[in-house]
C-alpha atoms as a PDB file:
ATOM      1  CA  UNK A   1      34.319 -13.411 -16.565  1.00  0.00           C
ATOM      2  CA  UNK A   2      32.572 -16.773 -15.870  1.00  0.00           C
ATOM      3  CA  UNK A   3      29.257 -18.398 -15.923  1.00  0.00           C
ATOM      4  CA  UNK A   4      27.546 -20.078 -12.583  1.00  0.00           C
ATOM      5  CA  UNK A   5      25.433 -23.453 -14.329  1.00  0.00           C
ATOM      6  CA  UNK A   6      23.114 -25.526 -12.566  1.00  0.00           C
ATOM      7  CA  UNK A   7      26.406 -28.094 -11.878  1.00  0.00           C
ATOM      8  CA  UNK A   8      28.078 -25.195  -9.637  1.00  0.00           C
ATOM      9  CA  UNK A   9      25.377 -24.426  -7.882  1.00  0.00           C
ATOM     10  CA  UNK A  10      24.909 -28.113  -7.198  1.00  0.00           C
ATOM     11  CA  UNK A  11      28.256 -28.493  -5.686  1.00  0.00           C
ATOM     12  CA  UNK A  12      27.605 -25.145  -3.822  1.00  0.00           C
ATOM     13  CA  UNK A  13      24.429 -26.229  -2.195  1.00  0.00           C
ATOM     14  CA  UNK A  14      26.421 -29.954  -1.116  1.00  0.00           C
ATOM     15  CA  UNK A  15      29.300 -27.937   0.471  1.00  0.00           C
ATOM     16  CA  UNK A  16      26.831 -25.615   2.211  1.00  0.00           C
ATOM     17  CA  UNK A  17      24.786 -28.937   3.504  1.00  0.00           C
ATOM     18  CA  UNK A  18      28.175 -30.583   4.889  1.00  0.00           C
ATOM     19  CA  UNK A  19      29.575 -27.523   6.557  1.00  0.00           C
ATOM     20  CA  UNK A  20      25.956 -26.194   7.935  1.00  0.00           C
ATOM     21  CA  UNK A  21      23.390 -29.338   8.699  1.00  0.00           C
ATOM     22  CA  UNK A  22      20.345 -29.857   7.177  1.00  0.00           C
ATOM     23  CA  UNK A  23      19.006 -28.389  10.764  1.00  0.00           C
ATOM     24  CA  UNK A  24      20.416 -24.882  10.055  1.00  0.00           C
ATOM     25  CA  UNK A  25      21.037 -24.346   6.140  1.00  0.00           C
ATOM     26  CA  UNK A  26      16.988 -22.931   6.104  1.00  0.00           C
ATOM     27  CA  UNK A  27      18.274 -20.147   8.342  1.00  0.00           C
ATOM     28  CA  UNK A  28      21.288 -19.428   6.760  1.00  0.00           C
ATOM     29  CA  UNK A  29      19.343 -19.381   3.563  1.00  0.00           C
ATOM     30  CA  UNK A  30      16.998 -16.832   5.005  1.00  0.00           C
ATOM     31  CA  UNK A  31      19.825 -14.688   6.372  1.00  0.00           C
ATOM     32  CA  UNK A  32      21.340 -14.777   2.823  1.00  0.00           C
ATOM     33  CA  UNK A  33      17.940 -13.644   1.342  1.00  0.00           C
ATOM     34  CA  UNK A  34      17.251 -11.004   3.328  1.00  0.00           C
ATOM     35  CA  UNK A  35      21.084  -9.487   3.185  1.00  0.00           C
ATOM     36  CA  UNK A  36      20.437  -9.478  -0.612  1.00  0.00           C
ATOM     37  CA  UNK A  37      16.601  -7.593  -0.076  1.00  0.00           C
ATOM     38  CA  UNK A  38      18.903  -5.094   2.439  1.00  0.00           C
ATOM     39  CA  UNK A  39      21.318  -4.542  -0.840  1.00  0.00           C
ATOM     40  CA  UNK A  40      18.761  -3.878  -3.080  1.00  0.00           C
ATOM     41  CA  UNK A  41      16.551  -1.815  -1.561  1.00  0.00           C
ATOM     42  CA  UNK A  42      19.591   0.450  -0.486  1.00  0.00           C
ATOM     43  CA  UNK A  43      20.477   0.639  -3.711  1.00  0.00           C
ATOM     44  CA  UNK A  44      17.697   1.958  -5.101  1.00  0.00           C
ATOM     45  CA  UNK A  45      17.138   4.368  -2.386  1.00  0.00           C
ATOM     46  CA  UNK A  46      18.183   7.320  -4.492  1.00  0.00           C
ATOM     47  CA  UNK A  47      18.543   9.319  -1.107  1.00  0.00           C
ATOM     48  CA  UNK A  48      21.364   7.268  -0.011  1.00  0.00           C
ATOM     49  CA  UNK A  49      20.294   7.371   3.646  1.00  0.00           C
ATOM     50  CA  UNK A  50      18.351   5.405   5.934  1.00  0.00           C
ATOM     51  CA  UNK A  51      16.410   8.108   7.527  1.00  0.00           C
ATOM     52  CA  UNK A  52      12.851   8.314   6.623  1.00  0.00           C
ATOM     53  CA  UNK A  53      11.787  11.534   4.429  1.00  0.00           C
ATOM     54  CA  UNK A  54       9.073  12.126   7.201  1.00  0.00           C
ATOM     55  CA  UNK A  55      10.900  12.066  10.190  1.00  0.00           C
ATOM     56  CA  UNK A  56      12.568  15.130  10.817  1.00  0.00           C
ATOM     57  CA  UNK A  57      16.842  14.884  10.876  1.00  0.00           C
ATOM     58  CA  UNK A  58      19.057  15.935  13.427  1.00  0.00           C
ATOM     59  CA  UNK A  59      21.325  19.087  13.699  1.00  0.00           C
END
């Protein structure tokens, strides 16, 4: 398996800056962060569903 070092992160950052541009880069980073946060919260959910426990389930 490969390891990601600071040089690789710098190259990815430069490519992202060239592709997205400086105006859209913060929005893209925010979207990636939100997606990672939702993914982690889905992994931490022990039931595996998105419904709250206090809401009745539909039959």
